[in-house]
Amino acid sequence: MREDLADLYAESRATAPGGEHRGRKDFLRRLTRDTWRPGFAMLTAQAPDLVGCAFGFPVPRDGSWWNGLRGPLPQDVEQLTTSGQVFAISGIVVRPSERHHGLADTLQEQLLGDHRTLLGAALVDRTHRAACAGFRSRGWRDIGVVYRSPGPTVLRALVLPLGERTATEPGDLAHHARIQ
């Protein structure tokens, strides 16, 4: 399955000639790292071959996942993080031929729904404009940039509120019984 996932990733990314191997290798390294995180989960879609996957994990309550964020963490995001109500989507990969059938939306909704959290979170390389646009088109909001070392990679921090909104402040989540 691991190699099938890497093949799907390579197929789904437009890379410069010769860059496929490095991208595939980086994907496998990231996937392997994520599988060791507590609460890691993955969904796959097959028709009958593998056509998509989404994976992620609960964001640690200590807030370490947000390290490197430039500027303050929004209060609602901080509160939900410390209460254990944030699930990070670290990857959504869909075969190019399936992109216009809503598969990414379905995988995202199912993965987040299975974990009954109040906030989805994602860190996306800001140079991957198509990925950033895809998240935004599915309702994700940009809360800033994250600088992570090693390397010059700058990531967009995106969040997707999943709980009820307050009537007075539509951008904030209402207090919810699952927040501890």
Protein backbone atom coordinates (compact mmCIF):
# COMPACT_ATOMS: atom_id res chain seq x y z
CA MET A 1 0.00 0.00 0.00
CA ARG A 2 2.85 2.39 0.83
CA GLU A 3 4.25 2.20 -2.70
CA ASP A 4 0.77 2.62 -4.19
CA LEU A 5 0.32 5.79 -2.13
CA ALA A 6 3.69 7.10 -3.30
CA ASP A 7 2.79 6.33 -6.93
CA LEU A 8 -0.51 8.17 -6.50
CA TYR A 9 1.31 11.16 -5.03
CA ALA A 10 3.82 11.26 -7.90
CA GLU A 11 1.02 11.02 -10.45
CA SER A 12 -0.93 13.81 -8.78
CA ARG A 13 1.90 16.34 -8.73
CA ALA A 14 3.17 18.33 -11.69
CA THR A 15 6.93 18.36 -11.26
CA ALA A 16 9.89 19.35 -13.35
CA PRO A 17 11.63 16.51 -15.18
CA GLY A 18 13.77 14.60 -12.70
CA GLY A 19 11.87 15.96 -9.69
CA GLU A 20 9.44 13.06 -9.44
CA HIS A 21 11.84 10.88 -7.44
CA ARG A 22 12.60 13.60 -4.88
CA GLY A 23 8.92 14.49 -4.48
CA ARG A 24 7.98 10.84 -4.06
CA LYS A 25 10.76 10.32 -1.53
CA ASP A 26 9.73 13.43 0.45
CA PHE A 27 6.12 12.24 0.47
CA LEU A 28 7.11 8.82 1.83
CA ARG A 29 9.28 10.41 4.52
CA ARG A 30 6.42 12.71 5.60
CA LEU A 31 3.88 9.87 5.54
CA THR A 32 6.16 7.64 7.62
CA ARG A 33 6.72 10.44 10.17
CA ASP A 34 2.98 11.11 10.41
CA THR A 35 2.07 7.43 10.94
CA TRP A 36 3.96 7.55 14.23
CA ARG A 37 1.90 10.45 15.58
CA PRO A 38 -0.73 9.55 18.19
CA GLY A 39 -4.16 9.23 16.61
CA PHE A 40 -2.91 9.04 13.01
CA ALA A 41 -5.71 8.16 10.59
CA MET A 42 -5.92 7.58 6.86
CA LEU A 43 -8.77 7.12 4.41
CA THR A 44 -8.34 5.77 0.91
CA ALA A 45 -10.66 5.79 -2.09
CA GLN A 46 -10.59 3.03 -4.68
CA ALA A 47 -12.47 2.67 -7.95
CA PRO A 48 -11.22 -0.19 -8.20
CA ASP A 49 -7.61 1.11 -8.12
CA LEU A 50 -6.38 3.65 -5.61
CA VAL A 51 -7.66 7.09 -6.68
CA GLY A 52 -7.27 9.15 -3.52
CA CYS A 53 -6.29 9.35 0.11
CA ALA A 54 -6.43 11.75 3.03
CA PHE A 55 -4.52 11.45 6.27
CA GLY A 56 -3.85 13.36 9.44
CA PHE A 57 -3.70 13.34 13.22
CA PRO A 58 -4.95 15.22 16.28
CA VAL A 59 -2.98 18.41 16.96
CA PRO A 60 -1.13 18.11 20.30
CA ARG A 61 -2.76 20.07 23.12
CA ASP A 62 0.54 21.77 23.99
CA GLY A 63 0.30 23.92 20.84
CA SER A 64 3.67 22.76 19.50
CA TRP A 65 2.14 22.12 16.09
CA TRP A 66 1.77 25.90 15.66
CA ASN A 67 5.48 26.60 16.40
CA GLY A 68 6.91 29.06 13.91
CA LEU A 69 3.62 30.89 13.32
CA ARG A 70 4.34 34.55 12.65
CA GLY A 71 2.02 36.64 14.75
CA PRO A 72 -0.39 35.61 17.46
CA LEU A 73 -2.41 32.42 17.28
CA PRO A 74 -6.10 33.41 17.10
CA GLN A 75 -7.75 32.96 20.49
CA ASP A 76 -10.39 30.51 19.23
CA VAL A 77 -7.70 28.36 17.61
CA GLU A 78 -5.60 28.40 20.79
CA GLN A 79 -8.60 27.45 22.93
CA LEU A 80 -9.58 24.58 20.65
CA THR A 81 -5.97 23.36 20.49
CA THR A 82 -5.58 23.21 24.28
CA SER A 83 -8.94 21.44 24.56
CA GLY A 84 -7.88 18.74 22.08
CA GLN A 85 -10.46 19.71 19.45
CA VAL A 86 -8.16 20.27 16.44
CA PHE A 87 -7.39 17.65 13.79
CA ALA A 88 -4.62 18.30 11.27
CA ILE A 89 -4.99 17.13 7.72
CA SER A 90 -1.43 16.55 6.63
CA GLY A 91 -2.25 15.24 3.18
CA ILE A 92 -5.01 14.95 0.60
CA VAL A 93 -3.97 13.28 -2.63
CA VAL A 94 -6.34 12.71 -5.54
CA ARG A 95 -5.62 11.22 -8.96
CA PRO A 96 -5.86 13.99 -11.59
CA SER A 97 -8.68 12.22 -13.46
CA GLU A 98 -10.81 12.29 -10.26
CA ARG A 99 -10.28 15.93 -9.27
CA HIS A 100 -13.53 17.28 -10.63
CA HIS A 101 -15.75 14.70 -8.95
CA GLY A 102 -15.64 16.07 -5.38
CA LEU A 103 -13.39 13.31 -4.06
CA ALA A 104 -11.11 15.68 -2.12
CA ASP A 105 -14.18 17.19 -0.42
CA THR A 106 -15.54 13.76 0.45
CA LEU A 107 -12.23 12.54 1.88
CA GLN A 108 -11.79 15.74 3.90
CA GLU A 109 -15.33 15.64 5.31
CA GLN A 110 -15.09 11.96 6.22
CA LEU A 111 -11.67 12.25 7.88
CA LEU A 112 -12.65 15.29 9.94
CA GLY A 113 -16.10 13.87 10.72
CA ASP A 114 -14.66 10.59 11.95
CA HIS A 115 -12.66 12.47 14.58
CA ARG A 116 -15.49 14.69 15.83
CA THR A 117 -13.27 17.71 16.27
CA LEU A 118 -14.34 21.33 16.08
CA LEU A 119 -11.48 22.62 13.93
CA GLY A 120 -9.57 21.25 10.99
CA ALA A 121 -6.02 22.52 10.48
CA ALA A 122 -3.50 22.27 7.66
CA LEU A 123 -0.04 23.61 6.90
CA VAL A 124 0.44 24.01 3.15
CA ASP A 125 3.59 25.10 1.33
CA ARG A 126 2.66 28.57 0.17
CA THR A 127 4.37 27.99 -3.19
CA HIS A 128 1.81 25.24 -3.92
CA ARG A 129 -0.83 27.66 -5.09
CA ALA A 130 -3.18 24.98 -6.39
CA ALA A 131 -3.22 23.23 -3.00
CA CYS A 132 -3.80 26.51 -1.15
CA ALA A 133 -6.60 27.41 -3.57
CA GLY A 134 -8.14 23.96 -3.14
CA PHE A 135 -8.29 24.29 0.64
CA ARG A 136 -9.71 27.82 0.41
CA SER A 137 -12.37 26.68 -2.06
CA ARG A 138 -13.50 24.13 0.54
CA GLY A 139 -13.99 26.85 3.18
CA TRP A 140 -10.59 26.92 4.90
CA ARG A 141 -9.42 30.29 6.21
CA ASP A 142 -5.83 31.53 6.25
CA ILE A 143 -4.55 32.50 9.72
CA GLY A 144 -0.94 33.30 8.82
CA VAL A 145 2.40 31.89 7.82
CA VAL A 146 4.56 29.34 9.60
CA TYR A 147 8.34 29.19 9.22
CA ARG A 148 9.81 25.76 9.92
CA SER A 149 13.43 24.75 9.86
CA PRO A 150 15.40 23.28 8.31
CA GLY A 151 15.08 25.04 5.04
CA PRO A 152 13.36 28.07 3.64
CA THR A 153 9.89 26.53 3.42
CA VAL A 154 7.11 28.93 4.34
CA LEU A 155 3.77 27.30 5.07
CA ARG A 156 0.27 28.77 5.04
CA ALA A 157 -1.62 27.94 8.24
CA LEU A 158 -5.20 27.16 7.30
CA VAL A 159 -8.13 26.29 9.56
CA LEU A 160 -11.64 25.03 8.94
CA PRO A 161 -14.22 25.63 11.71
CA LEU A 162 -16.46 22.58 12.06
CA GLY A 163 -18.61 23.57 15.03
CA GLU A 164 -21.50 25.95 15.48
CA ARG A 165 -20.93 29.66 14.90
CA THR A 166 -22.03 32.32 17.34
CA ALA A 167 -24.67 34.75 16.19
CA THR A 168 -22.68 37.77 17.40
CA GLU A 169 -19.34 36.85 15.86
CA PRO A 170 -19.69 34.56 12.85
CA GLY A 171 -15.93 33.92 12.69
CA ASP A 172 -15.77 32.42 16.18
CA LEU A 173 -16.94 29.03 17.29
CA ALA A 174 -19.65 28.81 19.89
CA HIS A 175 -18.79 27.26 23.22
CA HIS A 176 -19.30 23.56 22.84
CA ALA A 177 -19.79 20.87 25.48
CA ARG A 178 -16.84 18.87 24.11
CA ILE A 179 -14.37 21.67 24.89
CA GLN A 180 -12.63 20.90 28.17
